[in-house]
Amino acid sequence: MLDKNAKIYVAGHHGLVGSAIWNNLLQRGYTNLAGRSHRELDLLDGVAVREFFDREQPDAVVLAAAHVGGIMANLQYRADFIWQNLQIQQNVIGESFRHGVQKLLFLGSTCIYPREAPQPMTEDCLLTSPLEYTNEPYAIAKIAGLKMCESFNIQYGTNYIAVMPTNLYGPNDNFHLENSHVLPAMIRKIHLARCLNEGDWDAVRKDISLRPVTISAEAAGKTSEEAAASFTSKGMEARAGKFIVDGTSSEADILNALAHYGITPDAVTLWGTGKPMREFLWSEEMADASVHVLLNVDFRDTYDTAAKNADGITEIRNCHINVGTGKEISIRDAAEKIIREIGFRGELRWDASKPDGTIRKLTDVTKLHRLGWHHRIEIDEGIHRLYQWYLKGICINHQTV
């Protein structure tokens, strides 16, 4: 157990999980927390990270910072996902070791498991068959991170624990239409479609004033000139090959931009078939599980007694911990729950020409339960909480827009 006065550095403390972990630590009486925004500390900059550790000398580290996104982003920016995540992990874990950090918690993802892994997925199915292609670079980076933790522990006797959360959602989620994860993306799309369906243009403009919609010519399958010709606003601005639509744009441009993401007054079109099954965990519960592991679990608790292989070598593997609910729901059923929550009266459509991703990703949480943690918030309550948080954010931020 860490002393209440221990200095804990939370990397990524403004993000979905990092902010929830920060708040959970505060609620438990850990107030000596260190955090830096991306503007204050670029975790891709190894020199800056080393200087930060030199100054702060943290006793414990939570590595919740990562370059993340949904299927579309993972397909389009494959190099960014592997390079940036490897660099972040190398810098933070490396400096944690150099500075003698007592405890480190590394956050990965269940996308580390093979596309056709047996369901539910146990920790032992890691590296047993090929990964899902759409997020392979990100998955490889996360596998490297957990293996870094495991290897430092084995060689140097450190106490670095890796947790692999299932699909997360909750306060401070990313609702960007191009690179958000599935639940927040569906909530925003269906919310905007409902507003269009009801002719509530004030609500539409509030939404995209807070989160402008971007379209790249490449994503639209057009040249820059063709994409520019699709818009009518004289004030339409192109930045780095992306066209920005915000609350000041014309109705025609807003409709055009939203239609690009499958959002119209009469229907919402989502990627794939809706058949894949997904497990969802409320981010504040992920934070509670993470802090529970940070405070109560040591490396020696994360694996069974090591056995020798045929060559007489003692193997210690798969020491990471799945964090989830152990329950799943289809993307289609989740979308229909969101439609009922939001009250959209239009049609739900599916674009089967787009990838589904992994068909099932259900975690086996036996190890987590053995270590003393269980989830409490079910999907219906979580969808309601997230939509209320989203609406509150639009109302609060619109006052300053």
Protein backbone atom coordinates (compact mmCIF):
# COMPACT_ATOMS: atom_id res chain seq x y z
CA MET A 1 0.00 0.00 0.00
CA LEU A 2 1.36 3.40 -0.97
CA ASP A 3 1.73 6.00 1.76
CA LYS A 4 -0.93 8.75 1.58
CA ASN A 5 1.86 11.28 1.13
CA ALA A 6 3.39 9.43 -1.82
CA LYS A 7 3.74 11.54 -4.96
CA ILE A 8 1.82 9.89 -7.80
CA TYR A 9 2.32 11.02 -11.39
CA VAL A 10 -0.74 10.39 -13.58
CA ALA A 11 0.29 10.59 -17.23
CA GLY A 12 -2.77 11.53 -19.27
CA HIS A 13 -4.69 13.01 -16.35
CA HIS A 14 -6.98 15.04 -18.63
CA GLY A 15 -8.11 11.99 -20.62
CA LEU A 16 -11.05 9.66 -20.20
CA VAL A 17 -9.35 7.21 -17.86
CA GLY A 18 -6.60 9.43 -16.47
CA SER A 19 -9.04 12.05 -15.20
CA ALA A 20 -11.15 9.36 -13.54
CA ILE A 21 -8.07 7.82 -11.89
CA TRP A 22 -6.99 11.27 -10.67
CA ASN A 23 -10.39 11.84 -9.05
CA ASN A 24 -10.47 8.34 -7.57
CA LEU A 25 -7.07 8.87 -5.95
CA LEU A 26 -8.23 12.18 -4.49
CA GLN A 27 -11.35 10.51 -3.08
CA ARG A 28 -9.14 7.92 -1.38
CA GLY A 29 -7.03 10.65 0.26
CA TYR A 30 -4.06 10.68 -2.12
CA THR A 31 -3.60 14.39 -2.71
CA ASN A 32 0.09 14.61 -3.66
CA LEU A 33 -0.63 14.15 -7.36
CA ALA A 34 1.39 15.33 -10.35
CA GLY A 35 -0.04 15.84 -13.82
CA ARG A 36 0.87 17.76 -16.94
CA SER A 37 -1.17 18.61 -20.02
CA HIS A 38 0.22 17.76 -23.45
CA ARG A 39 1.07 21.43 -23.90
CA GLU A 40 3.07 21.41 -20.67
CA LEU A 41 4.81 18.08 -21.29
CA ASP A 42 5.08 16.28 -24.63
CA LEU A 43 5.53 12.62 -23.72
CA LEU A 44 7.03 11.99 -27.16
CA ASP A 45 9.98 14.17 -26.13
CA GLY A 46 12.40 11.96 -24.22
CA VAL A 47 14.49 14.87 -22.94
CA ALA A 48 11.43 16.68 -21.61
CA VAL A 49 10.18 13.52 -19.89
CA ARG A 50 13.55 12.94 -18.22
CA GLU A 51 13.69 16.55 -17.00
CA PHE A 52 10.16 16.18 -15.60
CA PHE A 53 11.13 13.07 -13.65
CA ASP A 54 14.31 14.79 -12.44
CA ARG A 55 12.23 17.64 -10.99
CA GLU A 56 9.21 15.76 -9.64
CA GLN A 57 10.78 12.47 -8.42
CA PRO A 58 7.44 10.59 -8.28
CA ASP A 59 7.03 7.61 -5.99
CA ALA A 60 4.44 5.98 -8.26
CA VAL A 61 3.34 6.38 -11.88
CA VAL A 62 0.07 5.71 -13.69
CA LEU A 63 0.61 5.55 -17.44
CA ALA A 64 -2.84 6.38 -18.81
CA ALA A 65 -1.59 8.56 -21.67
CA ALA A 66 -1.90 7.06 -25.15
CA HIS A 67 -2.71 7.88 -28.75
CA VAL A 68 -6.15 6.29 -29.21
CA GLY A 69 -9.01 6.20 -31.69
CA GLY A 70 -11.71 4.13 -33.37
CA ILE A 71 -11.61 1.90 -36.46
CA MET A 72 -11.46 4.77 -38.96
CA ALA A 73 -8.55 6.46 -37.22
CA ASN A 74 -6.69 3.18 -36.73
CA LEU A 75 -6.98 2.40 -40.43
CA GLN A 76 -5.91 5.84 -41.67
CA TYR A 77 -3.12 6.63 -39.21
CA ARG A 78 -1.43 3.27 -38.62
CA ALA A 79 2.09 4.69 -38.28
CA ASP A 80 0.95 7.26 -35.70
CA PHE A 81 -0.64 4.59 -33.53
CA ILE A 82 2.41 2.36 -33.28
CA TRP A 83 5.10 5.05 -33.24
CA GLN A 84 3.51 7.47 -30.77
CA ASN A 85 2.44 4.79 -28.30
CA LEU A 86 5.81 3.03 -28.37
CA GLN A 87 7.54 6.36 -27.83
CA ILE A 88 5.30 7.38 -24.92
CA GLN A 89 5.79 4.01 -23.24
CA GLN A 90 9.54 3.97 -23.80
CA ASN A 91 9.93 7.41 -22.29
CA VAL A 92 7.65 7.04 -19.25
CA ILE A 93 8.50 3.46 -18.29
CA GLY A 94 12.19 4.04 -18.94
CA GLU A 95 12.36 7.15 -16.76
CA SER A 96 10.30 5.41 -14.07
CA PHE A 97 12.99 2.73 -13.90
CA ARG A 98 15.88 5.21 -13.95
CA HIS A 99 14.30 7.17 -11.09
CA GLY A 100 13.47 4.18 -8.90
CA VAL A 101 9.68 4.51 -8.98
CA GLN A 102 8.15 2.17 -6.38
CA LYS A 103 5.04 1.22 -8.33
CA LEU A 104 3.91 1.69 -11.92
CA LEU A 105 0.49 0.98 -13.43
CA PHE A 106 0.40 0.60 -17.23
CA LEU A 107 -2.93 0.80 -19.04
CA GLY A 108 -3.30 -1.20 -22.22
CA SER A 109 -6.32 -2.53 -24.09
CA THR A 110 -8.03 -5.85 -24.79
CA CYS A 111 -7.28 -5.31 -28.49
CA ILE A 112 -3.96 -7.02 -27.63
CA TYR A 113 -5.74 -10.36 -28.04
CA PRO A 114 -5.96 -12.31 -31.31
CA ARG A 115 -8.87 -11.67 -33.66
CA GLU A 116 -10.09 -15.25 -33.23
CA ALA A 117 -9.22 -15.69 -29.57
CA PRO A 118 -11.41 -18.15 -27.63
CA GLN A 119 -14.23 -16.36 -25.82
CA PRO A 120 -14.17 -15.14 -23.14
CA MET A 121 -10.52 -14.13 -23.52
CA THR A 122 -8.19 -15.12 -20.72
CA GLU A 123 -4.83 -13.47 -20.19
CA ASP A 124 -3.17 -16.67 -21.45
CA CYS A 125 -4.46 -16.28 -25.03
CA LEU A 126 -2.02 -13.41 -25.69
CA LEU A 127 0.19 -14.00 -28.78
CA THR A 128 -1.48 -17.29 -29.68
CA SER A 129 -2.70 -16.26 -33.18
CA PRO A 130 -2.91 -13.20 -35.52
CA LEU A 131 -4.27 -9.86 -34.35
CA GLU A 132 -7.23 -7.96 -35.81
CA TYR A 133 -5.81 -6.08 -38.82
CA THR A 134 -7.63 -2.78 -38.29
CA ASN A 135 -5.91 -1.99 -34.98
CA GLU A 136 -2.81 -4.16 -35.26
CA PRO A 137 -0.25 -1.31 -34.88
CA TYR A 138 -1.92 -0.03 -31.70
CA ALA A 139 -2.21 -3.56 -30.31
CA ILE A 140 1.46 -4.30 -30.97
CA ALA A 141 2.44 -1.12 -29.12
CA LYS A 142 0.34 -2.12 -26.11
CA ILE A 143 1.76 -5.65 -26.13
CA ALA A 144 5.23 -4.11 -26.10
CA GLY A 145 4.23 -1.98 -23.10
CA LEU A 146 2.97 -4.85 -21.02
CA LYS A 147 6.04 -6.91 -21.95
CA MET A 148 8.26 -4.01 -20.86
CA CYS A 149 6.59 -4.06 -17.45
CA GLU A 150 6.82 -7.83 -17.19
CA SER A 151 10.46 -7.89 -18.30
CA PHE A 152 11.59 -5.12 -15.92
CA ASN A 153 9.90 -6.99 -13.08
CA ILE A 154 11.61 -10.28 -13.95
CA GLN A 155 15.08 -8.81 -14.52
CA TYR A 156 15.20 -6.00 -11.99
CA GLY A 157 12.58 -6.87 -9.37
CA THR A 158 10.44 -3.81 -10.07
CA ASN A 159 6.73 -3.69 -9.31
CA TYR A 160 5.10 -2.64 -12.59
CA ILE A 161 1.55 -3.89 -13.19
CA ALA A 162 -0.26 -3.88 -16.55
CA VAL A 163 -4.04 -3.76 -16.76
CA MET A 164 -5.99 -4.36 -19.98
CA PRO A 165 -9.34 -2.58 -19.91
CA THR A 166 -12.19 -3.51 -22.20
CA ASN A 167 -14.05 -0.84 -24.21
CA LEU A 168 -14.42 2.21 -21.98
CA TYR A 169 -16.89 5.07 -21.93
CA GLY A 170 -17.72 7.85 -19.50
CA PRO A 171 -17.07 11.48 -18.47
CA ASN A 172 -14.46 13.33 -20.57
CA ASP A 173 -14.92 10.86 -23.41
CA ASN A 174 -13.86 11.75 -26.96
CA PHE A 175 -16.85 12.61 -29.15
CA HIS A 176 -14.91 13.55 -32.29
CA LEU A 177 -16.79 12.12 -35.26
CA GLU A 178 -13.66 10.82 -36.99
CA ASN A 179 -11.61 9.24 -34.21
CA SER A 180 -13.86 8.52 -31.24
CA HIS A 181 -14.73 5.08 -29.95
CA VAL A 182 -18.01 3.40 -30.71
CA LEU A 183 -20.33 4.43 -27.82
CA PRO A 184 -19.52 8.17 -27.73
CA ALA A 185 -19.57 8.25 -31.54
CA MET A 186 -23.05 6.70 -31.64
CA ILE A 187 -24.32 9.01 -28.91
CA ARG A 188 -23.18 12.13 -30.74
CA LYS A 189 -24.38 10.96 -34.15
CA ILE A 190 -27.82 10.02 -32.87
CA HIS A 191 -28.08 13.23 -30.82
CA LEU A 192 -27.29 15.36 -33.88
CA ALA A 193 -29.70 13.36 -36.05
CA ARG A 194 -32.47 13.90 -33.49
CA CYS A 195 -31.78 17.65 -33.45
CA LEU A 196 -31.90 17.75 -37.27
CA ASN A 197 -35.05 15.62 -37.28
CA GLU A 198 -36.74 18.09 -34.92
CA GLY A 199 -35.41 21.15 -36.79
CA ASP A 200 -33.54 22.30 -33.68
CA TRP A 201 -30.75 24.21 -35.41
CA ASP A 202 -29.81 26.06 -32.25
CA ALA A 203 -28.91 22.72 -30.64
CA VAL A 204 -26.99 21.62 -33.74
CA ARG A 205 -24.94 24.82 -33.78
CA LYS A 206 -24.24 24.56 -30.05
CA ASP A 207 -22.91 21.06 -30.58
CA ILE A 208 -20.57 21.79 -33.47
CA SER A 209 -19.45 25.09 -31.99
CA LEU A 210 -18.07 23.06 -29.10
CA ARG A 211 -16.74 20.27 -31.31
CA PRO A 212 -16.26 21.44 -34.93
CA VAL A 213 -16.63 18.80 -37.62
CA THR A 214 -13.61 18.12 -39.82
CA ILE A 215 -13.52 16.44 -43.21
CA SER A 216 -10.35 15.56 -45.08
CA ALA A 217 -10.44 15.50 -48.87
CA GLU A 218 -8.78 12.08 -48.71
CA ALA A 219 -11.44 10.67 -46.40
CA ALA A 220 -14.15 12.03 -48.68
CA GLY A 221 -12.49 10.39 -51.68
CA LYS A 222 -12.00 13.74 -53.41
CA THR A 223 -9.25 16.09 -54.44
CA SER A 224 -8.83 19.21 -52.32
CA GLU A 225 -10.48 21.24 -55.10
CA GLU A 226 -13.46 18.88 -55.30
CA ALA A 227 -13.88 18.88 -51.52
CA ALA A 228 -13.70 22.67 -51.38
CA ALA A 229 -16.34 22.92 -54.11
CA SER A 230 -18.70 20.80 -51.94
CA PHE A 231 -19.03 23.66 -49.45
CA THR A 232 -20.76 27.00 -49.90
CA SER A 233 -19.67 29.18 -46.98
CA LYS A 234 -17.32 31.98 -47.90
CA GLY A 235 -15.77 31.66 -44.45
CA MET A 236 -15.09 27.97 -44.92
CA GLU A 237 -11.51 27.31 -43.86
CA ALA A 238 -9.13 24.58 -44.96
CA ARG A 239 -6.44 23.62 -42.45
CA ALA A 240 -3.80 21.03 -43.29
CA GLY A 241 -6.03 19.48 -45.92
CA LYS A 242 -9.06 19.35 -43.61
CA PHE A 243 -12.23 21.38 -44.00
CA ILE A 244 -13.66 22.72 -40.76
CA VAL A 245 -17.40 23.10 -40.22
CA ASP A 246 -18.50 24.85 -37.03
CA GLY A 247 -21.50 26.64 -35.58
CA THR A 248 -21.03 29.67 -37.85
CA SER A 249 -21.20 27.63 -41.07
CA SER A 250 -24.23 27.67 -43.36
CA GLU A 251 -27.01 25.10 -42.93
CA ALA A 252 -26.05 23.59 -46.28
CA ASP A 253 -22.44 23.09 -45.19
CA ILE A 254 -23.46 21.65 -41.84
CA LEU A 255 -25.83 19.19 -43.50
CA ASN A 256 -23.14 18.25 -46.02
CA ALA A 257 -20.53 17.68 -43.31
CA LEU A 258 -22.83 15.65 -41.07
CA ALA A 259 -24.04 13.54 -44.00
CA HIS A 260 -20.41 12.60 -44.61
CA TYR A 261 -20.53 10.89 -41.20
CA GLY A 262 -23.89 9.24 -41.84
CA ILE A 263 -25.98 11.82 -39.97
CA THR A 264 -29.18 13.08 -41.66
CA PRO A 265 -32.56 14.29 -40.36
CA ASP A 266 -34.19 10.97 -41.23
CA ALA A 267 -31.52 8.37 -40.53
CA VAL A 268 -28.21 7.54 -38.90
CA THR A 269 -25.85 5.23 -40.80
CA LEU A 270 -23.27 3.38 -38.74
CA TRP A 271 -20.23 1.41 -39.90
CA GLY A 272 -20.44 -2.36 -40.37
CA THR A 273 -23.32 -4.72 -39.76
CA GLY A 274 -23.97 -4.08 -36.09
CA LYS A 275 -23.39 -7.77 -35.35
CA PRO A 276 -20.07 -7.59 -33.46
CA MET A 277 -20.36 -8.12 -29.74
CA ARG A 278 -18.68 -5.70 -27.36
CA GLU A 279 -18.11 -5.42 -23.64
CA PHE A 280 -18.35 -1.91 -22.17
CA LEU A 281 -17.03 -0.63 -18.84
CA TRP A 282 -17.83 2.75 -17.27
CA SER A 283 -14.56 4.70 -17.10
CA GLU A 284 -14.95 5.66 -13.43
CA GLU A 285 -15.22 1.96 -12.62
CA MET A 286 -12.10 1.31 -14.66
CA ALA A 287 -10.44 3.99 -12.56
CA ASP A 288 -11.59 2.33 -9.35
CA ALA A 289 -10.26 -1.03 -10.55
CA SER A 290 -6.97 0.59 -11.58
CA VAL A 291 -6.45 2.30 -8.23
CA HIS A 292 -7.41 -0.91 -6.44
CA VAL A 293 -4.67 -2.72 -8.38
CA LEU A 294 -2.17 0.10 -7.83
CA LEU A 295 -2.68 0.06 -4.09
CA ASN A 296 -3.33 -3.62 -3.38
CA VAL A 297 -1.75 -5.81 -6.05
CA ASP A 298 1.93 -6.66 -6.45
CA PHE A 299 3.65 -8.33 -9.39
CA ARG A 300 3.90 -11.63 -7.52
CA ASP A 301 0.07 -11.68 -7.29
CA THR A 302 -0.42 -11.55 -11.06
CA TYR A 303 0.76 -15.02 -12.11
CA ASP A 304 0.57 -18.59 -10.94
CA THR A 305 3.65 -20.39 -9.76
CA ALA A 306 6.11 -20.26 -12.65
CA ALA A 307 6.74 -23.57 -14.40
CA LYS A 308 9.78 -24.78 -16.30
CA ASN A 309 9.46 -25.46 -20.01
CA ALA A 310 10.97 -28.39 -21.94
CA ASP A 311 14.33 -26.62 -22.01
CA GLY A 312 14.39 -26.23 -18.25
CA ILE A 313 13.75 -22.47 -18.42
CA THR A 314 11.38 -20.99 -15.85
CA GLU A 315 8.66 -19.07 -17.71
CA ILE A 316 6.72 -16.15 -16.25
CA ARG A 317 4.13 -14.95 -18.76
CA ASN A 318 0.83 -13.16 -19.11
CA CYS A 319 1.06 -11.23 -15.87
CA HIS A 320 -1.32 -8.52 -17.10
CA ILE A 321 -4.85 -8.24 -15.71
CA ASN A 322 -8.06 -8.03 -17.73
CA VAL A 323 -10.41 -5.30 -16.48
CA GLY A 324 -14.02 -5.51 -17.59
CA THR A 325 -17.53 -6.67 -16.77
CA GLY A 326 -17.48 -10.13 -18.30
CA LYS A 327 -20.73 -9.20 -20.11
CA GLU A 328 -21.30 -8.33 -23.78
CA ILE A 329 -23.85 -6.68 -26.07
CA SER A 330 -24.07 -6.35 -29.86
CA ILE A 331 -23.26 -2.98 -31.45
CA ARG A 332 -26.77 -3.02 -32.92
CA ASP A 333 -28.41 -3.53 -29.53
CA ALA A 334 -26.24 -0.79 -28.00
CA ALA A 335 -27.25 1.60 -30.81
CA GLU A 336 -30.92 0.83 -30.26
CA LYS A 337 -30.54 1.51 -26.53
CA ILE A 338 -28.99 4.89 -27.39
CA ILE A 339 -31.84 5.68 -29.82
CA ARG A 340 -34.36 5.01 -27.04
CA GLU A 341 -32.37 7.09 -24.55
CA ILE A 342 -32.06 10.06 -26.91
CA GLY A 343 -35.52 9.78 -28.45
CA PHE A 344 -34.52 9.79 -32.12
CA ARG A 345 -37.49 8.97 -34.35
CA GLY A 346 -35.56 8.32 -37.56
CA GLU A 347 -34.12 5.17 -39.08
CA LEU A 348 -31.01 3.26 -38.03
CA ARG A 349 -29.00 2.03 -41.02
CA TRP A 350 -25.81 0.00 -41.39
CA ASP A 351 -23.08 0.31 -43.99
CA ALA A 352 -21.92 -3.27 -44.45
CA SER A 353 -19.19 -2.14 -46.87
CA LYS A 354 -17.29 -0.79 -43.88
CA PRO A 355 -15.32 -3.07 -41.52
CA ASP A 356 -16.86 -4.60 -38.43
CA GLY A 357 -13.58 -5.15 -36.63
CA THR A 358 -13.23 -8.09 -34.27
CA ILE A 359 -16.50 -10.02 -34.01
CA ARG A 360 -16.26 -10.73 -30.26
CA LYS A 361 -14.03 -9.25 -27.54
CA LEU A 362 -15.32 -10.57 -24.24
CA THR A 363 -12.84 -10.66 -21.37
CA ASP A 364 -12.47 -13.33 -18.77
CA VAL A 365 -12.23 -11.35 -15.53
CA THR A 366 -11.56 -14.29 -13.22
CA LYS A 367 -8.13 -12.94 -12.25
CA LEU A 368 -9.55 -9.48 -11.49
CA HIS A 369 -12.28 -10.99 -9.31
CA ARG A 370 -9.69 -13.11 -7.50
CA LEU A 371 -7.75 -9.91 -6.79
CA GLY A 372 -10.81 -8.38 -5.14
CA TRP A 373 -12.62 -6.12 -7.63
CA HIS A 374 -16.07 -6.37 -9.36
CA HIS A 375 -17.99 -3.90 -11.56
CA ARG A 376 -21.37 -2.39 -10.57
CA ILE A 377 -22.65 -0.11 -13.38
CA GLU A 378 -24.54 -1.89 -16.17
CA ILE A 379 -24.84 -0.65 -19.76
CA ASP A 380 -28.32 0.95 -19.54
CA GLU A 381 -27.32 3.10 -16.59
CA GLY A 382 -24.01 3.93 -18.25
CA ILE A 383 -25.61 5.12 -21.50
CA HIS A 384 -27.98 7.35 -19.53
CA ARG A 385 -25.11 8.82 -17.49
CA LEU A 386 -22.96 9.47 -20.55
CA TYR A 387 -25.71 11.20 -22.52
CA GLN A 388 -26.56 13.42 -19.55
CA TRP A 389 -22.88 14.31 -19.20
CA TYR A 390 -22.71 15.12 -22.91
CA LEU A 391 -25.77 17.40 -22.78
CA LYS A 392 -24.46 19.17 -19.69
CA GLY A 393 -21.14 19.83 -21.44
CA ILE A 394 -22.87 21.41 -24.44
CA CYS A 395 -24.97 23.69 -22.25
CA ILE A 396 -22.09 24.79 -20.02
CA ASN A 397 -19.59 25.38 -22.81
CA HIS A 398 -22.08 27.11 -25.10
CA GLN A 399 -22.30 29.94 -22.59
CA THR A 400 -18.68 30.82 -23.39
CA VAL A 401 -18.69 30.05 -27.12
